[in-house]
C-alpha atoms as a PDB file:
ATOM      1  CA  MET A   1      66.109-175.341 -11.098  1.00  0.00           C
ATOM      2  CA  GLY A   2      62.911-173.970 -12.547  1.00  0.00           C
ATOM      3  CA  GLU A   3      62.178-173.096 -16.136  1.00  0.00           C
ATOM      4  CA  ILE A   4      61.434-169.384 -16.911  1.00  0.00           C
ATOM      5  CA  THR A   5      59.675-168.403 -20.192  1.00  0.00           C
ATOM      6  CA  TYR A   6      59.732-164.828 -21.709  1.00  0.00           C
ATOM      7  CA  LEU A   7      58.617-163.209 -24.759  1.00  0.00           C
ATOM      8  CA  CYS A   8      60.847-161.199 -26.550  1.00  0.00           C
ATOM      9  CA  ASN A   9      60.787-159.509 -29.976  1.00  0.00           C
ATOM     10  CA  THR A  10      63.797-161.284 -30.984  1.00  0.00           C
ATOM     11  CA  ASP A  11      64.300-164.217 -33.455  1.00  0.00           C
ATOM     12  CA  PRO A  12      65.213-167.400 -32.009  1.00  0.00           C
ATOM     13  CA  ALA A  13      67.243-168.449 -34.958  1.00  0.00           C
ATOM     14  CA  ARG A  14      69.915-165.818 -34.367  1.00  0.00           C
ATOM     15  CA  ASN A  15      72.751-167.346 -32.076  1.00  0.00           C
ATOM     16  CA  GLY A  16      72.296-166.313 -28.393  1.00  0.00           C
ATOM     17  CA  ASP A  17      68.887-164.729 -28.696  1.00  0.00           C
ATOM     18  CA  LEU A  18      65.758-166.039 -27.177  1.00  0.00           C
ATOM     19  CA  GLY A  19      62.237-165.596 -28.785  1.00  0.00           C
ATOM     20  CA  SER A  20      59.567-167.296 -27.254  1.00  0.00           C
ATOM     21  CA  ALA A  21      61.590-169.956 -25.242  1.00  0.00           C
ATOM     22  CA  SER A  22      62.636-171.413 -22.090  1.00  0.00           C
ATOM     23  CA  LEU A  23      65.971-171.017 -20.269  1.00  0.00           C
ATOM     24  CA  PRO A  24      66.978-172.833 -17.303  1.00  0.00           C
ATOM     25  CA  SER A  25      67.822-170.106 -14.761  1.00  0.00           C
ATOM     26  CA  SER A  26      71.142-171.497 -13.666  1.00  0.00           C
ATOM     27  CA  ALA A  27      72.301-172.013 -17.621  1.00  0.00           C
ATOM     28  CA  LYS A  28      75.169-169.697 -18.805  1.00  0.00           C
ATOM     29  CA  ARG A  29      74.934-168.543 -22.336  1.00  0.00           C
ATOM     30  CA  LYS A  30      77.319-166.494 -24.215  1.00  0.00           C
ATOM     31  CA  VAL A  31      75.646-163.211 -25.928  1.00  0.00           C
ATOM     32  CA  ALA A  32      76.298-162.979 -29.488  1.00  0.00           C
ATOM     33  CA  THR A  33      77.492-159.827 -30.816  1.00  0.00           C
ATOM     34  CA  THR A  34      74.973-157.954 -33.018  1.00  0.00           C
ATOM     35  CA  PRO A  35      74.764-154.552 -34.680  1.00  0.00           C
ATOM     36  CA  TYR A  36      73.143-151.810 -32.188  1.00  0.00           C
ATOM     37  CA  SER A  37      69.446-151.648 -32.194  1.00  0.00           C
ATOM     38  CA  GLN A  38      67.432-149.739 -29.957  1.00  0.00           C
ATOM     39  CA  THR A  39      65.791-151.365 -26.760  1.00  0.00           C
ATOM     40  CA  THR A  40      61.977-151.574 -27.807  1.00  0.00           C
ATOM     41  CA  SER A  41      58.962-151.788 -25.557  1.00  0.00           C
ATOM     42  CA  GLU A  42      58.562-155.434 -25.366  1.00  0.00           C
ATOM     43  CA  GLU A  43      62.255-155.752 -24.244  1.00  0.00           C
ATOM     44  CA  ARG A  44      61.536-152.767 -21.500  1.00  0.00           C
ATOM     45  CA  TYR A  45      58.298-154.391 -20.152  1.00  0.00           C
ATOM     46  CA  ALA A  46      60.340-157.736 -19.787  1.00  0.00           C
ATOM     47  CA  LEU A  47      63.298-155.715 -18.122  1.00  0.00           C
ATOM     48  CA  SER A  48      60.800-154.477 -15.835  1.00  0.00           C
ATOM     49  CA  LEU A  49      59.455-157.814 -15.153  1.00  0.00           C
ATOM     50  CA  LEU A  50      62.627-159.329 -14.469  1.00  0.00           C
ATOM     51  CA  ARG A  51      63.997-156.891 -12.326  1.00  0.00           C
ATOM     52  CA  LYS A  52      60.777-157.307  -9.858  1.00  0.00           C
ATOM     53  CA  GLU A  53      61.504-160.523  -9.624  1.00  0.00           C
ATOM     54  CA  GLY A  54      65.022-160.171  -8.556  1.00  0.00           C
ATOM     55  CA  HIS A  55      67.118-161.147 -11.304  1.00  0.00           C
ATOM     56  CA  SER A  56      70.769-160.053 -11.622  1.00  0.00           C
ATOM     57  CA  GLN A  57      71.831-157.523 -14.635  1.00  0.00           C
ATOM     58  CA  ALA A  58      73.914-160.551 -15.942  1.00  0.00           C
ATOM     59  CA  GLU A  59      70.596-162.856 -15.970  1.00  0.00           C
ATOM     60  CA  MET A  60      68.340-159.988 -17.313  1.00  0.00           C
ATOM     61  CA  ALA A  61      70.877-159.697 -20.265  1.00  0.00           C
ATOM     62  CA  ARG A  62      71.374-163.206 -20.995  1.00  0.00           C
ATOM     63  CA  ILE A  63      67.316-163.821 -21.151  1.00  0.00           C
ATOM     64  CA  LEU A  64      66.944-160.650 -23.367  1.00  0.00           C
ATOM     65  CA  GLY A  65      69.813-161.511 -25.603  1.00  0.00           C
ATOM     66  CA  ARG A  66      71.313-158.143 -24.956  1.00  0.00           C
ATOM     67  CA  HIS A  67      74.749-157.146 -23.746  1.00  0.00           C
ATOM     68  CA  PRO A  68      74.928-156.439 -19.833  1.00  0.00           C
ATOM     69  CA  SER A  69      76.213-152.794 -20.450  1.00  0.00           C
ATOM     70  CA  THR A  70      72.578-152.285 -22.485  1.00  0.00           C
ATOM     71  CA  ILE A  71      70.857-153.307 -19.689  1.00  0.00           C
ATOM     72  CA  SER A  72      72.779-151.402 -17.356  1.00  0.00           C
ATOM     73  CA  ARG A  73      72.556-148.171 -19.593  1.00  0.00           C
ATOM     74  CA  GLU A  74      68.831-148.652 -20.010  1.00  0.00           C
ATOM     75  CA  ARG A  75      68.157-149.043 -16.156  1.00  0.00           C
ATOM     76  CA  ARG A  76      70.203-146.160 -15.315  1.00  0.00           C
ATOM     77  CA  ARG A  77      69.037-143.767 -18.197  1.00  0.00           C
ATOM     78  CA  ASN A  78      65.402-144.432 -17.594  1.00  0.00           C
ATOM     79  CA  VAL A  79      64.858-144.750 -13.798  1.00  0.00           C
ATOM     80  CA  TRP A  80      61.841-143.302 -12.511  1.00  0.00           C
ATOM     81  CA  ARG A  81      62.688-139.739 -11.526  1.00  0.00           C
ATOM     82  CA  CYS A  82      60.636-139.397  -8.444  1.00  0.00           C
ATOM     83  CA  ASN A  83      62.429-141.984  -6.438  1.00  0.00           C
ATOM     84  CA  GLY A  84      65.614-142.552  -8.533  1.00  0.00           C
ATOM     85  CA  GLN A  85      65.227-146.283  -8.104  1.00  0.00           C
ATOM     86  CA  SER A  86      62.430-147.833  -9.777  1.00  0.00           C
ATOM     87  CA  TYR A  87      62.517-149.009 -13.357  1.00  0.00           C
ATOM     88  CA  VAL A  88      59.133-148.241 -15.204  1.00  0.00           C
ATOM     89  CA  ALA A  89      58.719-149.591 -18.688  1.00  0.00           C
ATOM     90  CA  LEU A  90      55.688-146.914 -19.396  1.00  0.00           C
ATOM     91  CA  ARG A  91      57.811-143.788 -18.548  1.00  0.00           C
ATOM     92  CA  ALA A  92      61.220-145.139 -20.300  1.00  0.00           C
ATOM     93  CA  PRO A  93      59.881-144.106 -24.108  1.00  0.00           C
ATOM     94  CA  SER A  94      58.920-140.517 -22.755  1.00  0.00           C
ATOM     95  CA  TYR A  95      62.733-140.370 -21.065  1.00  0.00           C
ATOM     96  CA  THR A  96      64.080-141.352 -24.183  1.00  0.00           C
ATOM     97  CA  LYS A  97      62.238-138.961 -26.297  1.00  0.00           C
ATOM     98  CA  VAL A  98      63.151-136.083 -24.167  1.00  0.00           C
ATOM     99  CA  ARG A  99      67.022-136.921 -24.334  1.00  0.00           C
ATOM    100  CA  ARG A 100      67.025-137.334 -27.803  1.00  0.00           C
ATOM    101  CA  ARG A 101      65.128-133.670 -28.089  1.00  0.00           C
ATOM    102  CA  ARG A 102      67.668-132.161 -26.217  1.00  0.00           C
ATOM    103  CA  SER A 103      70.782-133.916 -27.833  1.00  0.00           C
ATOM    104  CA  ARG A 104      73.569-131.798 -29.244  1.00  0.00           C
ATOM    105  CA  ARG A 105      72.847-132.899 -32.599  1.00  0.00           C
ATOM    106  CA  ASN A 106      69.514-131.644 -32.894  1.00  0.00           C
ATOM    107  CA  SER A 107      69.226-127.965 -32.286  1.00  0.00           C
ATOM    108  CA  GLN A 108      66.337-126.853 -29.767  1.00  0.00           C
ATOM    109  CA  PHE A 109      65.841-123.515 -31.183  1.00  0.00           C
ATOM    110  CA  SER A 110      64.389-122.586 -34.622  1.00  0.00           C
ATOM    111  CA  ALA A 111      66.059-120.178 -37.028  1.00  0.00           C
ATOM    112  CA  ALA A 112      63.429-117.287 -36.196  1.00  0.00           C
ATOM    113  CA  GLU A 113      64.144-118.079 -32.594  1.00  0.00           C
ATOM    114  CA  TRP A 114      67.533-117.373 -33.133  1.00  0.00           C
ATOM    115  CA  ALA A 115      66.926-114.380 -35.222  1.00  0.00           C
ATOM    116  CA  MET A 116      65.492-112.939 -32.255  1.00  0.00           C
ATOM    117  CA  VAL A 117      67.863-113.636 -29.857  1.00  0.00           C
ATOM    118  CA  GLU A 118      70.624-111.931 -32.391  1.00  0.00           C
ATOM    119  CA  SER A 119      68.709-109.119 -32.885  1.00  0.00           C
ATOM    120  CA  MET A 120      68.328-108.457 -28.959  1.00  0.00           C
ATOM    121  CA  LEU A 121      72.190-108.771 -28.846  1.00  0.00           C
ATOM    122  CA  ARG A 122      72.778-106.287 -31.883  1.00  0.00           C
ATOM    123  CA  GLY A 123      70.717-104.114 -29.545  1.00  0.00           C
ATOM    124  CA  ASP A 124      73.547-104.464 -26.804  1.00  0.00           C
ATOM    125  CA  PHE A 125      71.360-106.453 -24.473  1.00  0.00           C
ATOM    126  CA  SER A 126      73.521-108.835 -22.592  1.00  0.00           C
ATOM    127  CA  PRO A 127      72.863-112.495 -22.932  1.00  0.00           C
ATOM    128  CA  ALA A 128      71.722-112.634 -19.230  1.00  0.00           C
ATOM    129  CA  ARG A 129      69.177-109.554 -19.963  1.00  0.00           C
ATOM    130  CA  VAL A 130      68.196-111.559 -23.253  1.00  0.00           C
ATOM    131  CA  VAL A 131      67.391-114.548 -20.862  1.00  0.00           C
ATOM    132  CA  GLY A 132      65.535-112.613 -18.347  1.00  0.00           C
ATOM    133  CA  TRP A 133      63.461-110.498 -20.840  1.00  0.00           C
ATOM    134  CA  PHE A 134      62.356-113.913 -22.605  1.00  0.00           C
ATOM    135  CA  ALA A 135      61.389-115.353 -19.415  1.00  0.00           C
ATOM    136  CA  ARG A 136      59.627-112.507 -18.273  1.00  0.00           C
ATOM    137  CA  PHE A 137      57.187-112.430 -21.178  1.00  0.00           C
ATOM    138  CA  ASP A 138      57.066-116.412 -21.665  1.00  0.00           C
ATOM    139  CA  ILE A 139      58.806-116.109 -25.003  1.00  0.00           C
ATOM    140  CA  LEU A 140      61.466-118.662 -25.144  1.00  0.00           C
ATOM    141  CA  VAL A 141      63.545-120.859 -22.442  1.00  0.00           C
ATOM    142  CA  ILE A 142      67.149-120.560 -22.969  1.00  0.00           C
ATOM    143  CA  SER A 143      70.110-120.054 -20.741  1.00  0.00           C
ATOM    144  CA  HIS A 144      72.775-117.483 -21.150  1.00  0.00           C
ATOM    145  CA  GLU A 145      75.738-120.165 -21.834  1.00  0.00           C
ATOM    146  CA  THR A 146      73.724-120.970 -24.770  1.00  0.00           C
ATOM    147  CA  ILE A 147      73.657-117.569 -26.100  1.00  0.00           C
ATOM    148  CA  TYR A 148      77.604-117.255 -25.361  1.00  0.00           C
ATOM    149  CA  CYS A 149      78.044-120.616 -27.343  1.00  0.00           C
ATOM    150  CA  ARG A 150      76.486-118.945 -30.278  1.00  0.00           C
ATOM    151  CA  ILE A 151      78.303-115.689 -29.752  1.00  0.00           C
ATOM    152  CA  TRP A 152      81.756-117.473 -30.133  1.00  0.00           C
ATOM    153  CA  LYS A 153      80.642-119.812 -32.631  1.00  0.00           C
ATOM    154  CA  ASP A 154      79.620-116.920 -34.888  1.00  0.00           C
ATOM    155  CA  LYS A 155      82.872-115.088 -34.155  1.00  0.00           C
ATOM    156  CA  LYS A 156      84.955-118.117 -35.587  1.00  0.00           C
ATOM    157  CA  PRO A 157      83.884-117.218 -39.071  1.00  0.00           C
ATOM    158  CA  GLY A 158      84.282-113.623 -38.744  1.00  0.00           C
ATOM    159  CA  GLY A 159      80.661-112.586 -37.194  1.00  0.00           C
ATOM    160  CA  THR A 160      80.282-109.515 -35.281  1.00  0.00           C
ATOM    161  CA  LEU A 161      77.894-110.834 -32.299  1.00  0.00           C
ATOM    162  CA  HIS A 162      80.852-110.466 -29.778  1.00  0.00           C
ATOM    163  CA  VAL A 163      81.307-106.863 -30.644  1.00  0.00           C
ATOM    164  CA  HIS A 164      77.919-106.198 -28.842  1.00  0.00           C
ATOM    165  CA  LEU A 165      78.983-107.753 -25.599  1.00  0.00           C
ATOM    166  CA  ARG A 166      79.412-105.106 -22.743  1.00  0.00           C
ATOM    167  CA  ARG A 167      83.479-105.912 -22.073  1.00  0.00           C
ATOM    168  CA  ALA A 168      84.372-106.609 -25.683  1.00  0.00           C
ATOM    169  CA  ASN A 169      85.887-103.614 -26.304  1.00  0.00           C
ATOM    170  CA  LYS A 170      87.460-102.940 -23.019  1.00  0.00           C
ATOM    171  CA  ARG A 171      91.186-103.588 -22.558  1.00  0.00           C
ATOM    172  CA  ILE A 172      93.211-104.218 -19.394  1.00  0.00           C
ATOM    173  CA  ARG A 173      95.135-101.019 -18.398  1.00  0.00           C
ATOM    174  CA  LYS A 174      98.233-101.641 -16.498  1.00  0.00           C
ATOM    175  CA  PRO A 175      98.522 -99.563 -13.293  1.00  0.00           C
ATOM    176  CA  TYR A 176     101.176 -97.290 -14.297  1.00  0.00           C
ATOM    177  CA  GLY A 177     102.854 -95.229 -11.614  1.00  0.00           C
ATOM    178  CA  ALA A 178     102.500 -97.987  -9.050  1.00  0.00           C
ATOM    179  CA  TYR A 179     105.326-100.233  -7.812  1.00  0.00           C
ATOM    180  CA  GLU A 180     105.093-103.555  -9.913  1.00  0.00           C
ATOM    181  CA  ILE A 181     105.645-106.524  -7.270  1.00  0.00           C
ATOM    182  CA  ARG A 182     104.786-109.162  -9.632  1.00  0.00           C
ATOM    183  CA  GLY A 183     108.373-110.883 -10.460  1.00  0.00           C
ATOM    184  CA  ALA A 184     110.186-108.194  -8.867  1.00  0.00           C
ATOM    185  CA  PRO A 185     113.460-109.404  -7.432  1.00  0.00           C
ATOM    186  CA  PHE A 186     113.896-109.047  -3.414  1.00  0.00           C
ATOM    187  CA  PRO A 187     115.294-105.419  -2.638  1.00  0.00           C
ATOM    188  CA  LYS A 188     118.993-106.063  -1.697  1.00  0.00           C
ATOM    189  CA  ASN A 189     119.092-103.269   1.205  1.00  0.00           C
ATOM    190  CA  ARG A 190     116.143-105.051   3.088  1.00  0.00           C
ATOM    191  CA  SER A 191     117.156-107.282   6.122  1.00  0.00           C
ATOM    192  CA  SER A 192     115.659-110.751   6.413  1.00  0.00           C
ATOM    193  CA  LEU A 193     112.975-111.423   8.840  1.00  0.00           C
ATOM    194  CA  THR A 194     113.716-113.622  11.606  1.00  0.00           C
ATOM    195  CA  LEU A 195     110.887-115.470  13.565  1.00  0.00           C
ATOM    196  CA  VAL A 196     111.774-115.623  17.309  1.00  0.00           C
END
């Protein structure tokens, strides 16, 4: 079989990794376990080329010195959104940045934006109305679910935002005077129905 040469950013001295080295395409090599490091732009370009050449996921992992699941995750997360199949190395960093910006660890909203939301809630606006008002005047893009999460998070330590919700103080009334049929035993004087 022919030799394939790829330039990677990994150190050839480490066991299982390839630098600028040749590897027979039929060779099987065990991938060394290394601490996690993010996929670099050089590896993304190599991955894109390997995919165009028709290599399998396992072969790509061997050549790049990565675990096959890393290759799978990189391809799945950073596939081009237009056709859902192509992996484009140029677009992958921007997709990664968007995911990192939207992650739960990094809050999307500043303290000033939350102060605006909370002031509207204290003015007895519902979360849906707050979202609509912000969207109408192009101030902030936020969902009502995010606002509800903030309200319940505020309630746990003793906050008062939940008091301003429309249904916060309403209690469900039991329908007195009506015959309660839930859980009631079957009346004794009633004859059973027979199907013909």
